[in-house]
PDB file of N, CA and C in Angstrom:
ATOM      1  N   MET A   1     -76.462-130.632  35.694  1.00  0.00           N
ATOM      2  CA  MET A   1     -76.230-129.675  34.406  1.00  0.00           C
ATOM      3  C   MET A   1     -75.950-128.345  34.956  1.00  0.00           C
ATOM      4  N   ARG A   2     -74.849-127.509  34.431  1.00  0.00           N
ATOM      5  CA  ARG A   2     -74.460-126.350  35.101  1.00  0.00           C
ATOM      6  C   ARG A   2     -74.838-125.338  33.846  1.00  0.00           C
ATOM      7  N   LEU A   3     -75.364-124.224  34.285  1.00  0.00           N
ATOM      8  CA  LEU A   3     -75.838-123.225  33.357  1.00  0.00           C
ATOM      9  C   LEU A   3     -74.465-122.267  33.002  1.00  0.00           C
ATOM     10  N   GLN A   4     -74.286-121.738  31.898  1.00  0.00           N
ATOM     11  CA  GLN A   4     -73.196-120.799  31.576  1.00  0.00           C
ATOM     12  C   GLN A   4     -73.553-119.394  31.925  1.00  0.00           C
ATOM     13  N   GLN A   5     -72.576-118.961  32.605  1.00  0.00           N
ATOM     14  CA  GLN A   5     -72.783-117.605  32.916  1.00  0.00           C
ATOM     15  C   GLN A   5     -72.306-116.585  31.593  1.00  0.00           C
ATOM     16  N   PRO A   6     -72.983-115.433  31.473  1.00  0.00           N
ATOM     17  CA  PRO A   6     -72.652-114.525  30.369  1.00  0.00           C
ATOM     18  C   PRO A   6     -71.014-114.315  30.611  1.00  0.00           C
ATOM     19  N   GLY A   7     -70.428-114.336  29.405  1.00  0.00           N
ATOM     20  CA  GLY A   7     -68.969-114.011  29.420  1.00  0.00           C
ATOM     21  C   GLY A   7     -68.285-115.391  29.848  1.00  0.00           C
ATOM     22  N   GLY A   8     -68.863-116.566  29.583  1.00  0.00           N
ATOM     23  CA  GLY A   8     -68.411-117.865  29.798  1.00  0.00           C
ATOM     24  C   GLY A   8     -67.169-118.034  28.879  1.00  0.00           C
ATOM     25  N   LYS A   9     -66.779-119.493  29.019  1.00  0.00           N
ATOM     26  CA  LYS A   9     -65.713-119.940  28.402  1.00  0.00           C
ATOM     27  C   LYS A   9     -65.922-119.902  26.838  1.00  0.00           C
ATOM     28  N   HIS A  10     -67.150-119.938  26.306  1.00  0.00           N
ATOM     29  CA  HIS A  10     -67.448-120.012  24.898  1.00  0.00           C
ATOM     30  C   HIS A  10     -67.597-118.709  24.125  1.00  0.00           C
ATOM     31  N   GLU A  11     -67.434-117.613  24.899  1.00  0.00           N
ATOM     32  CA  GLU A  11     -67.621-116.316  24.489  1.00  0.00           C
ATOM     33  C   GLU A  11     -66.255-115.868  24.100  1.00  0.00           C
ATOM     34  N   ALA A  12     -66.135-115.020  22.828  1.00  0.00           N
ATOM     35  CA  ALA A  12     -64.879-114.574  22.404  1.00  0.00           C
ATOM     36  C   ALA A  12     -64.480-113.348  23.011  1.00  0.00           C
ATOM     37  N   ALA A  13     -63.286-113.230  23.372  1.00  0.00           N
ATOM     38  CA  ALA A  13     -62.777-112.054  24.134  1.00  0.00           C
ATOM     39  C   ALA A  13     -62.271-111.020  23.353  1.00  0.00           C
ATOM     40  N   TYR A  14     -62.405-109.727  23.749  1.00  0.00           N
ATOM     41  CA  TYR A  14     -61.915-108.716  22.895  1.00  0.00           C
ATOM     42  C   TYR A  14     -60.502-108.898  22.630  1.00  0.00           C
ATOM     43  N   PRO A  15     -60.006-108.461  21.245  1.00  0.00           N
ATOM     44  CA  PRO A  15     -58.693-108.564  20.875  1.00  0.00           C
ATOM     45  C   PRO A  15     -57.917-107.399  21.505  1.00  0.00           C
ATOM     46  N   SER A  16     -56.476-107.694  21.738  1.00  0.00           N
ATOM     47  CA  SER A  16     -55.669-106.860  22.347  1.00  0.00           C
ATOM     48  C   SER A  16     -55.328-105.803  21.250  1.00  0.00           C
ATOM     49  N   ALA A  17     -54.810-104.575  21.819  1.00  0.00           N
ATOM     50  CA  ALA A  17     -54.525-103.548  20.766  1.00  0.00           C
ATOM     51  C   ALA A  17     -53.365-104.014  19.774  1.00  0.00           C
ATOM     52  N   ARG A  18     -52.495-104.799  20.211  1.00  0.00           N
ATOM     53  CA  ARG A  18     -51.378-105.454  19.419  1.00  0.00           C
ATOM     54  C   ARG A  18     -52.077-106.430  18.251  1.00  0.00           C
ATOM     55  N   LYS A  19     -52.994-107.084  18.468  1.00  0.00           N
ATOM     56  CA  LYS A  19     -53.658-107.919  17.585  1.00  0.00           C
ATOM     57  C   LYS A  19     -54.466-107.186  16.494  1.00  0.00           C
ATOM     58  N   ILE A  20     -55.111-106.035  17.124  1.00  0.00           N
ATOM     59  CA  ILE A  20     -55.924-105.048  16.193  1.00  0.00           C
ATOM     60  C   ILE A  20     -54.892-104.423  15.329  1.00  0.00           C
ATOM     61  N   ARG A  21     -53.696-103.983  15.598  1.00  0.00           N
ATOM     62  CA  ARG A  21     -52.898-103.097  15.026  1.00  0.00           C
ATOM     63  C   ARG A  21     -52.275-104.078  13.933  1.00  0.00           C
ATOM     64  N   ARG A  22     -52.122-105.254  14.256  1.00  0.00           N
ATOM     65  CA  ARG A  22     -51.390-106.258  13.239  1.00  0.00           C
ATOM     66  C   ARG A  22     -52.339-106.685  12.381  1.00  0.00           C
ATOM     67  N   ALA A  23     -53.629-106.810  12.635  1.00  0.00           N
ATOM     68  CA  ALA A  23     -54.704-107.127  11.688  1.00  0.00           C
ATOM     69  C   ALA A  23     -54.905-106.151  10.588  1.00  0.00           C
ATOM     70  N   CYS A  24     -54.887-104.787  11.087  1.00  0.00           N
ATOM     71  CA  CYS A  24     -55.124-103.624  10.216  1.00  0.00           C
ATOM     72  C   CYS A  24     -53.987-103.488   9.462  1.00  0.00           C
ATOM     73  N   SER A  25     -52.733-103.677   9.838  1.00  0.00           N
ATOM     74  CA  SER A  25     -51.620-103.717   9.143  1.00  0.00           C
ATOM     75  C   SER A  25     -51.599-104.788   7.878  1.00  0.00           C
ATOM     76  N   VAL A  26     -52.029-105.931   8.181  1.00  0.00           N
ATOM     77  CA  VAL A  26     -52.169-107.150   7.281  1.00  0.00           C
ATOM     78  C   VAL A  26     -53.229-106.921   6.156  1.00  0.00           C
ATOM     79  N   GLU A  27     -54.273-106.286   6.611  1.00  0.00           N
ATOM     80  CA  GLU A  27     -55.457-106.012   5.780  1.00  0.00           C
ATOM     81  C   GLU A  27     -55.162-104.868   4.675  1.00  0.00           C
ATOM     82  N   LEU A  28     -54.419-103.969   5.194  1.00  0.00           N
ATOM     83  CA  LEU A  28     -54.129-102.789   4.215  1.00  0.00           C
ATOM     84  C   LEU A  28     -52.770-103.334   3.305  1.00  0.00           C
ATOM     85  N   TYR A  29     -51.934-104.224   3.838  1.00  0.00           N
ATOM     86  CA  TYR A  29     -50.870-104.770   3.029  1.00  0.00           C
ATOM     87  C   TYR A  29     -51.560-105.534   1.948  1.00  0.00           C
ATOM     88  N   ARG A  30     -52.537-106.357   2.220  1.00  0.00           N
ATOM     89  CA  ARG A  30     -53.184-107.196   1.103  1.00  0.00           C
ATOM     90  C   ARG A  30     -53.937-106.372   0.197  1.00  0.00           C
ATOM     91  N   THR A  31     -54.542-105.056   0.558  1.00  0.00           N
ATOM     92  CA  THR A  31     -55.263-104.309  -0.153  1.00  0.00           C
ATOM     93  C   THR A  31     -54.295-103.556  -1.127  1.00  0.00           C
ATOM     94  N   ILE A  32     -53.201-103.237  -0.684  1.00  0.00           N
ATOM     95  CA  ILE A  32     -52.214-102.590  -1.511  1.00  0.00           C
ATOM     96  C   ILE A  32     -51.758-103.592  -2.532  1.00  0.00           C
ATOM     97  N   LYS A  33     -51.563-104.731  -2.308  1.00  0.00           N
ATOM     98  CA  LYS A  33     -51.133-105.745  -3.324  1.00  0.00           C
ATOM     99  C   LYS A  33     -52.223-105.836  -4.425  1.00  0.00           C
ATOM    100  N   ARG A  34     -53.426-105.882  -4.107  1.00  0.00           N
ATOM    101  CA  ARG A  34     -54.534-105.828  -5.169  1.00  0.00           C
ATOM    102  C   ARG A  34     -54.664-104.441  -5.820  1.00  0.00           C
ATOM    103  N   LEU A  35     -54.203-103.410  -5.364  1.00  0.00           N
ATOM    104  CA  LEU A  35     -54.311-102.128  -6.086  1.00  0.00           C
ATOM    105  C   LEU A  35     -53.340-102.077  -7.140  1.00  0.00           C
ATOM    106  N   ASN A  36     -52.287-102.738  -6.771  1.00  0.00           N
ATOM    107  CA  ASN A  36     -51.235-102.807  -7.945  1.00  0.00           C
ATOM    108  C   ASN A  36     -50.548-101.481  -8.044  1.00  0.00           C
ATOM    109  N   ARG A  37     -50.396-100.799  -7.177  1.00  0.00           N
ATOM    110  CA  ARG A  37     -49.805 -99.547  -7.164  1.00  0.00           C
ATOM    111  C   ARG A  37     -48.885 -99.115  -6.051  1.00  0.00           C
ATOM    112  N   TYR A  38     -47.813 -98.470  -6.318  1.00  0.00           N
ATOM    113  CA  TYR A  38     -46.982 -98.082  -5.177  1.00  0.00           C
ATOM    114  C   TYR A  38     -47.452 -97.026  -4.181  1.00  0.00           C
ATOM    115  N   ILE A  39     -47.437 -97.285  -2.897  1.00  0.00           N
ATOM    116  CA  ILE A  39     -47.699 -96.372  -1.940  1.00  0.00           C
ATOM    117  C   ILE A  39     -46.586 -96.291  -1.064  1.00  0.00           C
ATOM    118  N   PRO A  40     -46.087 -94.910  -0.767  1.00  0.00           N
ATOM    119  CA  PRO A  40     -44.948 -94.761   0.026  1.00  0.00           C
ATOM    120  C   PRO A  40     -45.039 -95.298   1.547  1.00  0.00           C
ATOM    121  N   ALA A  41     -44.165 -95.699   2.194  1.00  0.00           N
ATOM    122  CA  ALA A  41     -44.091 -96.286   3.358  1.00  0.00           C
ATOM    123  C   ALA A  41     -44.559 -95.192   4.509  1.00  0.00           C
ATOM    124  N   GLU A  42     -44.392 -93.942   4.413  1.00  0.00           N
ATOM    125  CA  GLU A  42     -45.020 -93.012   5.134  1.00  0.00           C
ATOM    126  C   GLU A  42     -46.609 -92.961   5.258  1.00  0.00           C
ATOM    127  N   LYS A  43     -47.009 -93.165   4.086  1.00  0.00           N
ATOM    128  CA  LYS A  43     -48.519 -93.126   3.698  1.00  0.00           C
ATOM    129  C   LYS A  43     -49.274 -94.317   4.334  1.00  0.00           C
ATOM    130  N   VAL A  44     -48.491 -95.398   4.029  1.00  0.00           N
ATOM    131  CA  VAL A  44     -49.020 -96.758   4.557  1.00  0.00           C
ATOM    132  C   VAL A  44     -48.978 -96.654   6.228  1.00  0.00           C
ATOM    133  N   GLU A  45     -48.003 -96.053   6.849  1.00  0.00           N
ATOM    134  CA  GLU A  45     -47.920 -96.042   8.282  1.00  0.00           C
ATOM    135  C   GLU A  45     -49.137 -95.116   8.855  1.00  0.00           C
ATOM    136  N   GLU A  46     -49.285 -94.060   8.029  1.00  0.00           N
ATOM    137  CA  GLU A  46     -50.426 -93.065   8.392  1.00  0.00           C
ATOM    138  C   GLU A  46     -51.658 -93.773   8.266  1.00  0.00           C
ATOM    139  N   ALA A  47     -51.979 -94.572   7.102  1.00  0.00           N
ATOM    140  CA  ALA A  47     -53.138 -95.277   7.078  1.00  0.00           C
ATOM    141  C   ALA A  47     -53.440 -96.194   8.100  1.00  0.00           C
ATOM    142  N   GLU A  48     -52.351 -97.019   8.439  1.00  0.00           N
ATOM    143  CA  GLU A  48     -52.508 -97.897   9.554  1.00  0.00           C
ATOM    144  C   GLU A  48     -52.929 -97.335  10.808  1.00  0.00           C
ATOM    145  N   LYS A  49     -52.197 -96.026  11.073  1.00  0.00           N
ATOM    146  CA  LYS A  49     -52.757 -95.390  12.356  1.00  0.00           C
ATOM    147  C   LYS A  49     -54.297 -95.016  12.302  1.00  0.00           C
ATOM    148  N   LEU A  50     -54.497 -94.456  11.201  1.00  0.00           N
ATOM    149  CA  LEU A  50     -55.936 -94.001  11.059  1.00  0.00           C
ATOM    150  C   LEU A  50     -56.866 -95.194  11.093  1.00  0.00           C
ATOM    151  N   TYR A  51     -56.760 -96.239  10.335  1.00  0.00           N
ATOM    152  CA  TYR A  51     -57.399 -97.535  10.468  1.00  0.00           C
ATOM    153  C   TYR A  51     -57.540 -97.991  11.908  1.00  0.00           C
ATOM    154  N   PHE A  52     -56.446 -98.193  12.582  1.00  0.00           N
ATOM    155  CA  PHE A  52     -56.413 -98.555  14.017  1.00  0.00           C
ATOM    156  C   PHE A  52     -57.282 -97.665  14.914  1.00  0.00           C
ATOM    157  N   ARG A  53     -57.133 -96.273  14.692  1.00  0.00           N
ATOM    158  CA  ARG A  53     -57.998 -95.410  15.487  1.00  0.00           C
ATOM    159  C   ARG A  53     -59.348 -95.767  15.374  1.00  0.00           C
ATOM    160  N   LYS A  54     -59.912 -95.661  13.976  1.00  0.00           N
ATOM    161  CA  LYS A  54     -61.338 -95.977  13.649  1.00  0.00           C
ATOM    162  C   LYS A  54     -61.748 -97.339  14.318  1.00  0.00           C
ATOM    163  N   VAL A  55     -60.927 -98.246  14.029  1.00  0.00           N
ATOM    164  CA  VAL A  55     -61.379 -99.687  14.659  1.00  0.00           C
ATOM    165  C   VAL A  55     -61.479 -99.551  16.230  1.00  0.00           C
ATOM    166  N   ALA A  56     -60.557 -98.808  16.792  1.00  0.00           N
ATOM    167  CA  ALA A  56     -60.693 -98.744  18.407  1.00  0.00           C
ATOM    168  C   ALA A  56     -61.869 -98.071  18.669  1.00  0.00           C
ATOM    169  N   GLU A  57     -62.282 -96.946  18.044  1.00  0.00           N
ATOM    170  CA  GLU A  57     -63.450 -96.307  18.440  1.00  0.00           C
ATOM    171  C   GLU A  57     -64.822 -97.095  18.142  1.00  0.00           C
ATOM    172  N   ASN A  58     -64.805 -98.003  17.273  1.00  0.00           N
ATOM    173  CA  ASN A  58     -65.926 -98.762  17.043  1.00  0.00           C
ATOM    174  C   ASN A  58     -65.849-100.186  17.430  1.00  0.00           C
ATOM    175  N   LEU A  59     -64.847-100.462  18.424  1.00  0.00           N
ATOM    176  CA  LEU A  59     -64.559-101.896  18.625  1.00  0.00           C
ATOM    177  C   LEU A  59     -65.762-102.760  19.134  1.00  0.00           C
ATOM    178  N   LEU A  60     -66.659-102.126  19.992  1.00  0.00           N
ATOM    179  CA  LEU A  60     -68.000-102.810  20.473  1.00  0.00           C
ATOM    180  C   LEU A  60     -68.905-103.447  19.143  1.00  0.00           C
ATOM    181  N   TRP A  61     -68.838-102.500  18.277  1.00  0.00           N
ATOM    182  CA  TRP A  61     -69.726-102.855  17.184  1.00  0.00           C
ATOM    183  C   TRP A  61     -68.925-103.893  16.214  1.00  0.00           C
ATOM    184  N   ILE A  62     -67.510-103.745  15.927  1.00  0.00           N
ATOM    185  CA  ILE A  62     -66.929-104.516  15.310  1.00  0.00           C
ATOM    186  C   ILE A  62     -66.776-105.920  15.871  1.00  0.00           C
ATOM    187  N   HIS A  63     -66.619-106.055  17.155  1.00  0.00           N
ATOM    188  CA  HIS A  63     -66.645-107.262  17.795  1.00  0.00           C
ATOM    189  C   HIS A  63     -67.970-108.000  17.790  1.00  0.00           C
ATOM    190  N   GLU A  64     -68.955-107.194  17.835  1.00  0.00           N
ATOM    191  CA  GLU A  64     -70.426-107.991  17.767  1.00  0.00           C
ATOM    192  C   GLU A  64     -70.633-108.458  16.435  1.00  0.00           C
ATOM    193  N   HIS A  65     -70.071-107.906  15.423  1.00  0.00           N
ATOM    194  CA  HIS A  65     -70.189-108.312  14.003  1.00  0.00           C
ATOM    195  C   HIS A  65     -69.120-108.997  13.371  1.00  0.00           C
ATOM    196  N   ARG A  66     -68.234-109.637  14.437  1.00  0.00           N
ATOM    197  CA  ARG A  66     -66.863-110.229  13.771  1.00  0.00           C
ATOM    198  C   ARG A  66     -67.077-111.440  12.988  1.00  0.00           C
ATOM    199  N   ASP A  67     -68.234-111.958  12.828  1.00  0.00           N
ATOM    200  CA  ASP A  67     -68.430-113.184  11.927  1.00  0.00           C
ATOM    201  C   ASP A  67     -69.030-112.882  10.728  1.00  0.00           C
ATOM    202  N   ASN A  68     -69.459-111.664  10.473  1.00  0.00           N
ATOM    203  CA  ASN A  68     -70.139-111.150   9.132  1.00  0.00           C
ATOM    204  C   ASN A  68     -69.140-110.224   8.444  1.00  0.00           C
ATOM    205  N   ARG A  69     -68.345-110.818   7.651  1.00  0.00           N
ATOM    206  CA  ARG A  69     -67.358-110.173   6.796  1.00  0.00           C
ATOM    207  C   ARG A  69     -67.892-109.093   5.904  1.00  0.00           C
ATOM    208  N   LYS A  70     -69.130-109.352   5.437  1.00  0.00           N
ATOM    209  CA  LYS A  70     -69.840-108.273   4.429  1.00  0.00           C
ATOM    210  C   LYS A  70     -70.119-107.231   5.279  1.00  0.00           C
ATOM    211  N   LYS A  71     -70.602-107.210   6.491  1.00  0.00           N
ATOM    212  CA  LYS A  71     -71.033-105.845   7.326  1.00  0.00           C
ATOM    213  C   LYS A  71     -69.772-105.375   7.636  1.00  0.00           C
ATOM    214  N   LEU A  72     -68.775-105.959   7.877  1.00  0.00           N
ATOM    215  CA  LEU A  72     -67.366-105.339   8.332  1.00  0.00           C
ATOM    216  C   LEU A  72     -66.884-104.483   7.061  1.00  0.00           C
ATOM    217  N   ALA A  73     -67.031-105.166   5.922  1.00  0.00           N
ATOM    218  CA  ALA A  73     -66.472-104.585   4.710  1.00  0.00           C
ATOM    219  C   ALA A  73     -67.265-103.395   4.368  1.00  0.00           C
ATOM    220  N   ASP A  74     -68.707-103.545   4.720  1.00  0.00           N
ATOM    221  CA  ASP A  74     -69.469-102.337   4.336  1.00  0.00           C
ATOM    222  C   ASP A  74     -69.082-101.059   5.380  1.00  0.00           C
ATOM    223  N   TRP A  75     -68.837-101.528   6.610  1.00  0.00           N
ATOM    224  CA  TRP A  75     -68.476-100.551   7.562  1.00  0.00           C
ATOM    225  C   TRP A  75     -67.101 -99.858   7.173  1.00  0.00           C
ATOM    226  N   TRP A  76     -66.084-100.607   6.796  1.00  0.00           N
ATOM    227  CA  TRP A  76     -64.907-100.073   6.250  1.00  0.00           C
ATOM    228  C   TRP A  76     -65.011 -99.161   5.080  1.00  0.00           C
ATOM    229  N   GLU A  77     -66.000 -99.589   4.213  1.00  0.00           N
ATOM    230  CA  GLU A  77     -66.010 -98.874   3.065  1.00  0.00           C
ATOM    231  C   GLU A  77     -66.788 -97.427   3.452  1.00  0.00           C
ATOM    232  N   ALA A  78     -67.632 -97.243   4.370  1.00  0.00           N
ATOM    233  CA  ALA A  78     -68.297 -96.002   4.886  1.00  0.00           C
ATOM    234  C   ALA A  78     -67.440 -95.257   5.738  1.00  0.00           C
ATOM    235  N   ASN A  79     -66.527 -95.780   6.660  1.00  0.00           N
ATOM    236  CA  ASN A  79     -65.888 -95.117   7.583  1.00  0.00           C
ATOM    237  C   ASN A  79     -64.367 -94.881   7.339  1.00  0.00           C
ATOM    238  N   VAL A  80     -63.881 -95.782   6.643  1.00  0.00           N
ATOM    239  CA  VAL A  80     -62.442 -95.851   6.629  1.00  0.00           C
ATOM    240  C   VAL A  80     -61.898 -95.510   5.230  1.00  0.00           C
ATOM    241  N   CYS A  81     -62.563 -95.979   4.291  1.00  0.00           N
ATOM    242  CA  CYS A  81     -62.259 -95.961   3.010  1.00  0.00           C
ATOM    243  C   CYS A  81     -61.947 -94.487   2.324  1.00  0.00           C
ATOM    244  N   PRO A  82     -62.983 -93.571   2.533  1.00  0.00           N
ATOM    245  CA  PRO A  82     -62.760 -92.024   1.962  1.00  0.00           C
ATOM    246  C   PRO A  82     -61.519 -91.451   2.523  1.00  0.00           C
ATOM    247  N   ASP A  83     -61.133 -91.807   3.790  1.00  0.00           N
ATOM    248  CA  ASP A  83     -60.002 -91.103   4.514  1.00  0.00           C
ATOM    249  C   ASP A  83     -58.819 -91.692   3.979  1.00  0.00           C
ATOM    250  N   ILE A  84     -58.712 -92.978   3.761  1.00  0.00           N
ATOM    251  CA  ILE A  84     -57.389 -93.566   3.093  1.00  0.00           C
ATOM    252  C   ILE A  84     -57.343 -93.109   1.559  1.00  0.00           C
ATOM    253  N   ALA A  85     -58.434 -93.285   0.863  1.00  0.00           N
ATOM    254  CA  ALA A  85     -58.496 -92.817  -0.506  1.00  0.00           C
ATOM    255  C   ALA A  85     -57.820 -91.458  -0.727  1.00  0.00           C
ATOM    256  N   ALA A  86     -58.189 -90.495   0.202  1.00  0.00           N
ATOM    257  CA  ALA A  86     -57.667 -89.367  -0.079  1.00  0.00           C
ATOM    258  C   ALA A  86     -56.342 -89.174   0.263  1.00  0.00           C
ATOM    259  N   LEU A  87     -55.895 -90.078   1.489  1.00  0.00           N
ATOM    260  CA  LEU A  87     -54.458 -89.935   1.814  1.00  0.00           C
ATOM    261  C   LEU A  87     -53.512 -90.608   0.775  1.00  0.00           C
ATOM    262  N   TRP A  88     -54.123 -91.621  -0.026  1.00  0.00           N
ATOM    263  CA  TRP A  88     -53.265 -92.486  -0.899  1.00  0.00           C
ATOM    264  C   TRP A  88     -53.518 -91.843  -2.313  1.00  0.00           C
ATOM    265  N   ASP A  89     -54.562 -90.958  -2.495  1.00  0.00           N
ATOM    266  CA  ASP A  89     -54.758 -90.333  -3.895  1.00  0.00           C
ATOM    267  C   ASP A  89     -55.283 -91.681  -4.878  1.00  0.00           C
ATOM    268  N   VAL A  90     -56.112 -92.312  -4.281  1.00  0.00           N
ATOM    269  CA  VAL A  90     -56.757 -93.324  -5.213  1.00  0.00           C
ATOM    270  C   VAL A  90     -58.124 -93.184  -5.030  1.00  0.00           C
ATOM    271  N   GLU A  91     -58.810 -93.805  -6.191  1.00  0.00           N
ATOM    272  CA  GLU A  91     -60.171 -93.608  -6.353  1.00  0.00           C
ATOM    273  C   GLU A  91     -60.890 -94.427  -5.309  1.00  0.00           C
ATOM    274  N   PRO A  92     -61.770 -93.929  -4.464  1.00  0.00           N
ATOM    275  CA  PRO A  92     -62.441 -94.737  -3.428  1.00  0.00           C
ATOM    276  C   PRO A  92     -63.072 -95.982  -3.824  1.00  0.00           C
ATOM    277  N   LYS A  93     -63.627 -95.855  -4.987  1.00  0.00           N
ATOM    278  CA  LYS A  93     -64.413 -97.296  -5.494  1.00  0.00           C
ATOM    279  C   LYS A  93     -63.386 -98.245  -5.787  1.00  0.00           C
ATOM    280  N   ARG A  94     -62.286 -97.686  -6.234  1.00  0.00           N
ATOM    281  CA  ARG A  94     -61.025 -98.703  -6.502  1.00  0.00           C
ATOM    282  C   ARG A  94     -60.549 -99.465  -5.356  1.00  0.00           C
ATOM    283  N   LEU A  95     -60.257 -98.524  -4.330  1.00  0.00           N
ATOM    284  CA  LEU A  95     -59.778 -98.910  -3.151  1.00  0.00           C
ATOM    285  C   LEU A  95     -60.700 -99.992  -2.288  1.00  0.00           C
ATOM    286  N   SER A  96     -61.976 -99.462  -2.530  1.00  0.00           N
ATOM    287  CA  SER A  96     -62.944-100.489  -1.799  1.00  0.00           C
ATOM    288  C   SER A  96     -63.119-101.816  -2.236  1.00  0.00           C
ATOM    289  N   ALA A  97     -63.024-101.897  -3.731  1.00  0.00           N
ATOM    290  CA  ALA A  97     -62.884-103.003  -4.363  1.00  0.00           C
ATOM    291  C   ALA A  97     -61.766-104.052  -3.915  1.00  0.00           C
ATOM    292  N   ALA A  98     -60.622-103.303  -3.804  1.00  0.00           N
ATOM    293  CA  ALA A  98     -59.338-103.988  -3.603  1.00  0.00           C
ATOM    294  C   ALA A  98     -59.578-104.558  -2.019  1.00  0.00           C
ATOM    295  N   PHE A  99     -59.898-103.741  -1.246  1.00  0.00           N
ATOM    296  CA  PHE A  99     -60.159-104.098   0.146  1.00  0.00           C
ATOM    297  C   PHE A  99     -61.110-105.298   0.213  1.00  0.00           C
ATOM    298  N   ARG A 100     -62.283-105.379  -0.322  1.00  0.00           N
ATOM    299  CA  ARG A 100     -63.214-106.451  -0.485  1.00  0.00           C
ATOM    300  C   ARG A 100     -62.633-107.754  -0.842  1.00  0.00           C
ATOM    301  N   SER A 101     -61.803-107.611  -1.937  1.00  0.00           N
ATOM    302  CA  SER A 101     -61.137-108.742  -2.424  1.00  0.00           C
ATOM    303  C   SER A 101     -60.183-109.371  -1.536  1.00  0.00           C
ATOM    304  N   ALA A 102     -59.353-108.376  -0.814  1.00  0.00           N
ATOM    305  CA  ALA A 102     -58.384-108.748   0.085  1.00  0.00           C
ATOM    306  C   ALA A 102     -58.959-109.417   1.526  1.00  0.00           C
ATOM    307  N   PHE A 103     -60.066-108.705   1.959  1.00  0.00           N
ATOM    308  CA  PHE A 103     -60.788-109.043   3.113  1.00  0.00           C
ATOM    309  C   PHE A 103     -61.797-110.169   3.017  1.00  0.00           C
ATOM    310  N   GLY A 104     -62.411-110.432   1.901  1.00  0.00           N
ATOM    311  CA  GLY A 104     -63.347-111.432   1.690  1.00  0.00           C
ATOM    312  C   GLY A 104     -64.820-111.057   2.136  1.00  0.00           C
ATOM    313  N   GLY A 105     -65.100-109.809   1.820  1.00  0.00           N
ATOM    314  CA  GLY A 105     -66.489-109.431   2.242  1.00  0.00           C
ATOM    315  C   GLY A 105     -67.050-108.734   0.846  1.00  0.00           C
TER     316      GLY A 105
END
């Protein structure tokens, strides 16, 4: 019997920058659909860049909690929601509810 080394084949690898960027884009797209409000493309792009930057800054924590959608949604609500709500001129509570509905947390 062989013992698995840390970082073995059953451990999830960190996502690439492209995967993170695409996931952020999809999550915001689904959130906008649930807001049922028009958001200009420039503001959506700016929000995607902001969201990507915040995820990149906290990648270790996010990767560690990747299986806990509620914790991730709580993190998003505390760290990302206020900035995007101000950018899109949306009530933070409403944006958070739309994100949770889209994200599943």
